[in-house]
Amino acid sequence: MARTIATTTQVDLDELGEFVATRHHGILITSRDDSCVQASPVTCGWSDGQILIATYPSRAKTVNATKRAEVSIVILSDEFNGAWVQIDGTARVVNVPEAVEGLVEYFRCISGEHSDWDEYRAAMVQQDKSLIRITPQRWGPVATGGFPPQHA
C-alpha cells in the first residue's frame, strides 16, 4: 500500500481566502495573562480578507483577544486528515450593538441567508454577542499530513 506523502503549498492572500472560505472549523489560539496559550475550538467565516468568529464577551478567547490582539488560528478541513493552515494575525473584538452587522456578515459566510434578519439581529443583541475579526498578518503553507517524501 502506498504511503500518503505530506504536502505544503504556499498561498497568497487571495488563495488563503479561497481556502478558508470553504472551511468553518478552527482552533483559535490567544494568550492568557500568565503568557500561556488558550486554545478554543471555533466556527469561523471569511469575509473581505478577515476571519470572523462569533462569541460572547465573557469567553476566555474574547477577554484574551481584547487584552492582546496578536492571535493565531488553525483552520481545519471537515475531515480530520484534510488540509489545514495556521494564520497569525491581529484580532479586533467588537461588541453589540456595533457588532450586529458583522454578525450578519458572519452568518452569511457560514450559512447563507437567514429567513428573518430582523429576528436574527434582535437575537444577537438579546444574547449580548461579540464578534472577533482577525486580519491575517502571516500564514504558513496550506498543509496535509502524511509521511515526509524521503520516508514514503
N, C-alpha and C. Protein backbone atom coordinates (compact mmCIF):
# COMPACT_ATOMS: atom_id res chain seq x y z
N MET A 1 0.85 -1.18 0.00
CA MET A 1 0.00 0.00 0.00
C MET A 1 0.89 1.24 0.00
N ALA A 2 0.60 2.18 -0.88
CA ALA A 2 1.38 3.41 -0.98
C ALA A 2 1.12 4.30 0.22
N ARG A 3 2.17 4.91 0.70
CA ARG A 3 2.05 5.84 1.81
C ARG A 3 1.63 7.21 1.30
N THR A 4 0.84 7.91 2.10
CA THR A 4 0.44 9.27 1.77
C THR A 4 1.61 10.20 2.06
N ILE A 5 1.93 11.04 1.10
CA ILE A 5 3.02 11.99 1.26
C ILE A 5 2.47 13.33 1.73
N ALA A 6 3.08 13.86 2.77
CA ALA A 6 2.68 15.18 3.29
C ALA A 6 2.95 16.24 2.22
N THR A 7 2.10 17.27 2.21
CA THR A 7 2.28 18.36 1.25
C THR A 7 2.24 19.69 1.97
N THR A 8 2.90 20.67 1.38
CA THR A 8 2.81 22.06 1.83
C THR A 8 2.73 22.92 0.58
N THR A 9 1.74 23.80 0.56
CA THR A 9 1.52 24.66 -0.60
C THR A 9 1.50 26.10 -0.15
N GLN A 10 2.46 26.89 -0.60
CA GLN A 10 2.47 28.32 -0.29
C GLN A 10 1.31 28.99 -1.03
N VAL A 11 0.62 29.90 -0.35
CA VAL A 11 -0.51 30.60 -0.95
C VAL A 11 -0.41 32.10 -0.67
N ASP A 12 -0.95 32.89 -1.59
CA ASP A 12 -1.04 34.33 -1.34
C ASP A 12 -2.36 34.61 -0.61
N LEU A 13 -2.62 35.86 -0.31
CA LEU A 13 -3.81 36.21 0.47
C LEU A 13 -5.11 35.80 -0.24
N ASP A 14 -5.19 35.98 -1.54
CA ASP A 14 -6.40 35.58 -2.26
C ASP A 14 -6.61 34.07 -2.19
N GLU A 15 -5.54 33.32 -2.37
CA GLU A 15 -5.64 31.85 -2.29
C GLU A 15 -5.96 31.41 -0.87
N LEU A 16 -5.41 32.10 0.11
CA LEU A 16 -5.73 31.82 1.51
C LEU A 16 -7.23 32.01 1.74
N GLY A 17 -7.76 33.11 1.23
CA GLY A 17 -9.19 33.38 1.37
C GLY A 17 -10.04 32.30 0.73
N GLU A 18 -9.65 31.84 -0.44
CA GLU A 18 -10.39 30.75 -1.10
C GLU A 18 -10.37 29.49 -0.25
N PHE A 19 -9.24 29.20 0.36
CA PHE A 19 -9.13 28.01 1.21
C PHE A 19 -10.00 28.15 2.46
N VAL A 20 -9.88 29.28 3.14
CA VAL A 20 -10.59 29.49 4.41
C VAL A 20 -12.10 29.60 4.19
N ALA A 21 -12.53 30.21 3.10
CA ALA A 21 -13.96 30.46 2.86
C ALA A 21 -14.79 29.18 2.83
N THR A 22 -14.19 28.06 2.49
CA THR A 22 -14.94 26.80 2.41
C THR A 22 -14.76 25.93 3.65
N ARG A 23 -14.07 26.43 4.64
CA ARG A 23 -13.82 25.68 5.88
C ARG A 23 -14.25 26.54 7.06
N HIS A 24 -14.99 25.95 7.97
CA HIS A 24 -15.55 26.74 9.07
C HIS A 24 -15.15 26.24 10.46
N HIS A 25 -14.21 25.31 10.52
CA HIS A 25 -13.74 24.81 11.81
C HIS A 25 -12.34 25.33 12.06
N GLY A 26 -12.12 25.83 13.27
CA GLY A 26 -10.80 26.34 13.60
C GLY A 26 -10.48 26.17 15.07
N ILE A 27 -9.22 26.34 15.37
CA ILE A 27 -8.75 26.40 16.76
C ILE A 27 -8.09 27.76 16.91
N LEU A 28 -8.72 28.61 17.72
CA LEU A 28 -8.20 29.95 17.97
C LEU A 28 -7.23 29.89 19.14
N ILE A 29 -6.05 30.47 18.94
CA ILE A 29 -5.01 30.50 19.98
C ILE A 29 -4.83 31.94 20.44
N THR A 30 -5.09 32.18 21.73
CA THR A 30 -4.89 33.50 22.32
C THR A 30 -3.92 33.35 23.49
N SER A 31 -3.47 34.47 24.03
CA SER A 31 -2.53 34.46 25.16
C SER A 31 -3.25 34.85 26.44
N ARG A 32 -3.05 34.06 27.47
CA ARG A 32 -3.59 34.37 28.80
C ARG A 32 -2.72 35.40 29.50
N ASP A 33 -3.19 35.90 30.62
CA ASP A 33 -2.41 36.87 31.40
C ASP A 33 -1.06 36.32 31.84
N ASP A 34 -0.97 35.00 32.07
CA ASP A 34 0.30 34.40 32.51
C ASP A 34 1.20 34.00 31.34
N SER A 35 0.86 34.45 30.14
CA SER A 35 1.61 34.20 28.90
C SER A 35 1.43 32.78 28.36
N CYS A 36 0.67 31.93 29.03
CA CYS A 36 0.36 30.62 28.47
C CYS A 36 -0.70 30.78 27.39
N VAL A 37 -0.85 29.78 26.56
CA VAL A 37 -1.83 29.88 25.48
C VAL A 37 -3.18 29.33 25.90
N GLN A 38 -4.21 29.87 25.28
CA GLN A 38 -5.58 29.40 25.43
C GLN A 38 -6.02 28.93 24.05
N ALA A 39 -6.39 27.68 23.92
CA ALA A 39 -6.87 27.13 22.65
C ALA A 39 -8.38 26.96 22.73
N SER A 40 -9.10 27.50 21.74
CA SER A 40 -10.55 27.44 21.73
C SER A 40 -11.05 26.95 20.38
N PRO A 41 -11.81 25.85 20.35
CA PRO A 41 -12.43 25.46 19.09
C PRO A 41 -13.49 26.49 18.71
N VAL A 42 -13.52 26.88 17.44
CA VAL A 42 -14.45 27.92 16.99
C VAL A 42 -15.03 27.56 15.62
N THR A 43 -16.16 28.16 15.34
CA THR A 43 -16.73 28.18 14.00
C THR A 43 -16.37 29.54 13.43
N CYS A 44 -15.90 29.57 12.19
CA CYS A 44 -15.41 30.83 11.63
C CYS A 44 -15.81 30.97 10.18
N GLY A 45 -15.81 32.22 9.74
CA GLY A 45 -16.09 32.55 8.35
C GLY A 45 -15.02 33.46 7.80
N TRP A 46 -15.03 33.66 6.48
CA TRP A 46 -14.07 34.53 5.79
C TRP A 46 -14.84 35.60 5.05
N SER A 47 -14.50 36.86 5.28
CA SER A 47 -15.17 37.96 4.58
C SER A 47 -14.20 39.12 4.42
N ASP A 48 -14.08 39.59 3.20
CA ASP A 48 -13.26 40.78 2.91
C ASP A 48 -11.87 40.72 3.53
N GLY A 49 -11.22 39.57 3.42
CA GLY A 49 -9.86 39.44 3.91
C GLY A 49 -9.71 39.25 5.40
N GLN A 50 -10.81 38.95 6.09
CA GLN A 50 -10.76 38.74 7.53
C GLN A 50 -11.46 37.45 7.92
N ILE A 51 -11.02 36.89 9.04
CA ILE A 51 -11.68 35.74 9.64
C ILE A 51 -12.63 36.26 10.69
N LEU A 52 -13.87 35.79 10.67
CA LEU A 52 -14.90 36.24 11.60
C LEU A 52 -15.29 35.11 12.54
N ILE A 53 -15.40 35.43 13.83
CA ILE A 53 -15.77 34.46 14.85
C ILE A 53 -16.81 35.10 15.76
N ALA A 54 -17.95 34.45 15.91
CA ALA A 54 -18.98 34.92 16.85
C ALA A 54 -18.70 34.31 18.22
N THR A 55 -18.89 35.11 19.25
CA THR A 55 -18.58 34.66 20.60
C THR A 55 -19.36 35.50 21.60
N TYR A 56 -18.97 35.42 22.85
CA TYR A 56 -19.57 36.22 23.93
C TYR A 56 -18.47 37.00 24.65
N PRO A 57 -18.79 38.16 25.21
CA PRO A 57 -17.77 38.99 25.86
C PRO A 57 -17.03 38.30 26.99
N SER A 58 -17.67 37.39 27.71
CA SER A 58 -17.04 36.78 28.89
C SER A 58 -16.18 35.57 28.57
N ARG A 59 -16.18 35.08 27.35
CA ARG A 59 -15.38 33.91 26.99
C ARG A 59 -13.88 34.23 27.07
N ALA A 60 -13.09 33.24 27.45
CA ALA A 60 -11.64 33.44 27.59
C ALA A 60 -11.03 33.97 26.30
N LYS A 61 -11.43 33.43 25.16
CA LYS A 61 -10.85 33.87 23.88
C LYS A 61 -11.12 35.35 23.65
N THR A 62 -12.30 35.80 24.03
CA THR A 62 -12.68 37.20 23.82
C THR A 62 -11.91 38.12 24.77
N VAL A 63 -11.86 37.74 26.03
CA VAL A 63 -11.11 38.52 27.03
C VAL A 63 -9.64 38.60 26.63
N ASN A 64 -9.07 37.46 26.24
CA ASN A 64 -7.65 37.44 25.87
C ASN A 64 -7.39 38.28 24.62
N ALA A 65 -8.23 38.14 23.59
CA ALA A 65 -8.03 38.90 22.35
C ALA A 65 -8.23 40.39 22.56
N THR A 66 -9.04 40.76 23.53
CA THR A 66 -9.23 42.17 23.85
C THR A 66 -7.96 42.75 24.47
N LYS A 67 -7.31 41.96 25.33
CA LYS A 67 -6.09 42.42 26.01
C LYS A 67 -4.86 42.37 25.10
N ARG A 68 -4.77 41.32 24.28
CA ARG A 68 -3.60 41.11 23.41
C ARG A 68 -4.12 40.70 22.04
N ALA A 69 -4.03 41.62 21.12
CA ALA A 69 -4.64 41.44 19.80
C ALA A 69 -3.92 40.41 18.93
N GLU A 70 -2.70 40.05 19.26
CA GLU A 70 -1.96 39.07 18.46
C GLU A 70 -2.51 37.68 18.75
N VAL A 71 -3.06 37.04 17.73
CA VAL A 71 -3.66 35.72 17.87
C VAL A 71 -3.19 34.83 16.72
N SER A 72 -3.43 33.55 16.87
CA SER A 72 -3.23 32.59 15.79
C SER A 72 -4.48 31.75 15.69
N ILE A 73 -4.74 31.25 14.50
CA ILE A 73 -5.86 30.34 14.30
C ILE A 73 -5.43 29.26 13.33
N VAL A 74 -5.79 28.04 13.65
CA VAL A 74 -5.56 26.92 12.75
C VAL A 74 -6.91 26.62 12.11
N ILE A 75 -6.97 26.75 10.80
CA ILE A 75 -8.19 26.44 10.05
C ILE A 75 -8.10 24.99 9.61
N LEU A 76 -9.11 24.20 9.96
CA LEU A 76 -9.13 22.77 9.70
C LEU A 76 -10.14 22.42 8.62
N SER A 77 -9.89 21.35 7.92
CA SER A 77 -10.87 20.79 6.99
C SER A 77 -11.90 20.00 7.78
N ASP A 78 -13.03 19.71 7.17
CA ASP A 78 -14.07 18.93 7.85
C ASP A 78 -13.56 17.54 8.23
N GLU A 79 -12.79 16.92 7.36
CA GLU A 79 -12.25 15.60 7.67
C GLU A 79 -10.94 15.78 8.44
N PHE A 80 -10.72 14.92 9.41
CA PHE A 80 -9.58 15.10 10.31
C PHE A 80 -8.25 15.13 9.58
N ASN A 81 -8.09 14.31 8.56
CA ASN A 81 -6.81 14.25 7.88
C ASN A 81 -6.74 15.16 6.65
N GLY A 82 -7.63 16.13 6.58
CA GLY A 82 -7.66 17.06 5.46
C GLY A 82 -6.65 18.19 5.61
N ALA A 83 -6.62 19.04 4.62
CA ALA A 83 -5.68 20.17 4.60
C ALA A 83 -6.01 21.16 5.72
N TRP A 84 -4.98 21.89 6.15
CA TRP A 84 -5.12 22.89 7.21
C TRP A 84 -4.10 23.98 6.99
N VAL A 85 -4.30 25.10 7.70
CA VAL A 85 -3.33 26.19 7.64
C VAL A 85 -3.35 26.95 8.97
N GLN A 86 -2.18 27.40 9.41
CA GLN A 86 -2.10 28.29 10.57
C GLN A 86 -1.96 29.71 10.09
N ILE A 87 -2.76 30.59 10.68
CA ILE A 87 -2.75 32.01 10.33
C ILE A 87 -2.46 32.80 11.61
N ASP A 88 -1.50 33.70 11.53
CA ASP A 88 -1.20 34.62 12.64
C ASP A 88 -1.75 35.98 12.23
N GLY A 89 -2.41 36.63 13.16
CA GLY A 89 -2.99 37.91 12.80
C GLY A 89 -3.30 38.79 13.99
N THR A 90 -3.99 39.86 13.68
CA THR A 90 -4.40 40.84 14.68
C THR A 90 -5.91 40.76 14.84
N ALA A 91 -6.34 40.60 16.08
CA ALA A 91 -7.77 40.48 16.38
C ALA A 91 -8.33 41.82 16.84
N ARG A 92 -9.56 42.05 16.44
CA ARG A 92 -10.31 43.20 16.94
C ARG A 92 -11.64 42.67 17.42
N VAL A 93 -11.95 42.91 18.70
CA VAL A 93 -13.21 42.46 19.30
C VAL A 93 -14.23 43.58 19.19
N VAL A 94 -15.40 43.24 18.69
CA VAL A 94 -16.49 44.20 18.56
C VAL A 94 -17.69 43.63 19.31
N ASN A 95 -18.31 44.45 20.15
CA ASN A 95 -19.47 44.02 20.94
C ASN A 95 -20.74 44.66 20.38
N VAL A 96 -21.89 44.07 20.76
CA VAL A 96 -23.16 44.68 20.35
C VAL A 96 -23.30 46.00 21.08
N PRO A 97 -23.93 46.98 20.48
CA PRO A 97 -24.69 46.91 19.23
C PRO A 97 -23.82 47.06 17.97
N GLU A 98 -22.56 47.52 18.11
CA GLU A 98 -21.72 47.73 16.92
C GLU A 98 -21.47 46.44 16.15
N ALA A 99 -21.51 45.31 16.82
CA ALA A 99 -21.18 44.02 16.19
C ALA A 99 -22.30 43.45 15.34
N VAL A 100 -23.51 43.98 15.43
CA VAL A 100 -24.66 43.32 14.82
C VAL A 100 -24.48 43.09 13.32
N GLU A 101 -24.09 44.09 12.57
CA GLU A 101 -23.95 43.89 11.12
C GLU A 101 -22.80 42.95 10.79
N GLY A 102 -21.75 42.96 11.60
CA GLY A 102 -20.68 42.00 11.43
C GLY A 102 -21.13 40.57 11.72
N LEU A 103 -22.04 40.42 12.68
CA LEU A 103 -22.59 39.10 12.98
C LEU A 103 -23.48 38.61 11.83
N VAL A 104 -24.17 39.54 11.17
CA VAL A 104 -24.92 39.18 9.96
C VAL A 104 -23.95 38.67 8.89
N GLU A 105 -22.86 39.40 8.71
CA GLU A 105 -21.82 39.01 7.75
C GLU A 105 -21.27 37.62 8.10
N TYR A 106 -21.00 37.36 9.37
CA TYR A 106 -20.53 36.06 9.85
C TYR A 106 -21.52 34.96 9.48
N PHE A 107 -22.80 35.17 9.77
CA PHE A 107 -23.83 34.18 9.48
C PHE A 107 -23.86 33.87 7.98
N ARG A 108 -23.83 34.91 7.17
CA ARG A 108 -23.86 34.73 5.71
C ARG A 108 -22.67 33.91 5.21
N CYS A 109 -21.50 34.12 5.79
CA CYS A 109 -20.30 33.37 5.38
C CYS A 109 -20.46 31.87 5.62
N ILE A 110 -21.16 31.53 6.66
CA ILE A 110 -21.25 30.14 7.08
C ILE A 110 -22.53 29.46 6.58
N SER A 111 -23.65 30.17 6.66
CA SER A 111 -24.95 29.54 6.41
C SER A 111 -25.77 30.17 5.30
N GLY A 112 -25.31 31.27 4.73
CA GLY A 112 -26.10 31.91 3.69
C GLY A 112 -27.12 32.87 4.27
N GLU A 113 -28.26 32.94 3.65
CA GLU A 113 -29.29 33.88 4.07
C GLU A 113 -30.14 33.34 5.22
N HIS A 114 -30.55 34.22 6.10
CA HIS A 114 -31.43 33.90 7.23
C HIS A 114 -32.87 34.15 6.79
N SER A 115 -33.78 33.41 7.36
CA SER A 115 -35.19 33.59 6.99
C SER A 115 -35.79 34.88 7.54
N ASP A 116 -35.20 35.46 8.58
CA ASP A 116 -35.72 36.69 9.17
C ASP A 116 -34.56 37.47 9.81
N TRP A 117 -33.98 38.39 9.03
CA TRP A 117 -32.82 39.12 9.52
C TRP A 117 -33.14 40.01 10.71
N ASP A 118 -34.33 40.57 10.78
CA ASP A 118 -34.69 41.39 11.95
C ASP A 118 -34.69 40.53 13.21
N GLU A 119 -35.23 39.33 13.11
CA GLU A 119 -35.24 38.41 14.25
C GLU A 119 -33.80 38.04 14.64
N TYR A 120 -32.96 37.77 13.66
CA TYR A 120 -31.56 37.42 13.93
C TYR A 120 -30.83 38.57 14.63
N ARG A 121 -31.00 39.78 14.11
CA ARG A 121 -30.35 40.94 14.71
C ARG A 121 -30.80 41.13 16.16
N ALA A 122 -32.10 40.99 16.40
CA ALA A 122 -32.63 41.13 17.76
C ALA A 122 -32.06 40.05 18.67
N ALA A 123 -31.92 38.84 18.16
CA ALA A 123 -31.35 37.74 18.96
C ALA A 123 -29.89 38.02 19.33
N MET A 124 -29.14 38.58 18.41
CA MET A 124 -27.73 38.89 18.68
C MET A 124 -27.61 39.93 19.80
N VAL A 125 -28.49 40.93 19.78
CA VAL A 125 -28.50 41.95 20.84
C VAL A 125 -28.93 41.33 22.16
N GLN A 126 -30.01 40.54 22.12
CA GLN A 126 -30.53 39.90 23.32
C GLN A 126 -29.49 38.96 23.94
N GLN A 127 -28.73 38.26 23.10
CA GLN A 127 -27.72 37.33 23.59
C GLN A 127 -26.40 38.02 23.96
N ASP A 128 -26.31 39.33 23.69
CA ASP A 128 -25.11 40.11 24.01
C ASP A 128 -23.86 39.52 23.35
N LYS A 129 -23.97 39.23 22.05
CA LYS A 129 -22.88 38.58 21.31
C LYS A 129 -21.73 39.55 21.03
N SER A 130 -20.60 38.96 20.76
CA SER A 130 -19.41 39.69 20.31
C SER A 130 -18.94 39.07 19.01
N LEU A 131 -18.13 39.82 18.29
CA LEU A 131 -17.53 39.35 17.05
C LEU A 131 -16.03 39.59 17.13
N ILE A 132 -15.26 38.56 16.82
CA ILE A 132 -13.81 38.72 16.70
C ILE A 132 -13.48 38.75 15.22
N ARG A 133 -12.80 39.82 14.79
CA ARG A 133 -12.33 39.97 13.41
C ARG A 133 -10.82 39.82 13.43
N ILE A 134 -10.33 38.85 12.68
CA ILE A 134 -8.88 38.62 12.62
C ILE A 134 -8.39 39.02 11.24
N THR A 135 -7.44 39.93 11.22
CA THR A 135 -6.79 40.33 9.98
C THR A 135 -5.48 39.55 9.88
N PRO A 136 -5.36 38.68 8.87
CA PRO A 136 -4.13 37.90 8.71
C PRO A 136 -2.91 38.79 8.50
N GLN A 137 -1.84 38.49 9.20
CA GLN A 137 -0.56 39.18 9.03
C GLN A 137 0.45 38.27 8.34
N ARG A 138 0.41 36.99 8.70
CA ARG A 138 1.26 35.99 8.06
C ARG A 138 0.58 34.63 8.21
N TRP A 139 0.98 33.70 7.36
CA TRP A 139 0.39 32.37 7.41
C TRP A 139 1.39 31.37 6.86
N GLY A 140 1.24 30.16 7.36
CA GLY A 140 2.09 29.09 6.87
C GLY A 140 1.51 28.54 5.58
N PRO A 141 2.14 27.55 5.04
CA PRO A 141 1.57 26.94 3.85
C PRO A 141 0.31 26.16 4.21
N VAL A 142 -0.54 25.94 3.22
CA VAL A 142 -1.64 25.00 3.37
C VAL A 142 -0.99 23.63 3.37
N ALA A 143 -1.26 22.83 4.39
CA ALA A 143 -0.54 21.58 4.58
C ALA A 143 -1.50 20.40 4.67
N THR A 144 -0.97 19.24 4.34
CA THR A 144 -1.66 17.98 4.58
C THR A 144 -0.70 17.08 5.32
N GLY A 145 -1.25 16.17 6.10
CA GLY A 145 -0.43 15.24 6.85
C GLY A 145 0.04 14.09 5.98
N GLY A 146 0.91 13.30 6.53
CA GLY A 146 1.45 12.14 5.84
C GLY A 146 2.93 12.00 6.10
N PHE A 147 3.55 11.15 5.34
CA PHE A 147 4.98 10.90 5.50
C PHE A 147 5.78 11.96 4.76
N PRO A 148 6.91 12.38 5.32
CA PRO A 148 7.80 13.24 4.56
C PRO A 148 8.22 12.47 3.30
N PRO A 149 8.41 13.18 2.18
CA PRO A 149 8.73 12.49 0.93
C PRO A 149 9.90 11.51 1.05
N GLN A 150 10.90 11.85 1.82
CA GLN A 150 12.06 10.97 1.93
C GLN A 150 11.77 9.68 2.68
N HIS A 151 10.59 9.60 3.35
CA HIS A 151 10.23 8.39 4.11
C HIS A 151 9.05 7.64 3.49
N ALA A 152 8.55 8.12 2.38
CA ALA A 152 7.38 7.49 1.78
C ALA A 152 7.74 6.24 1.02
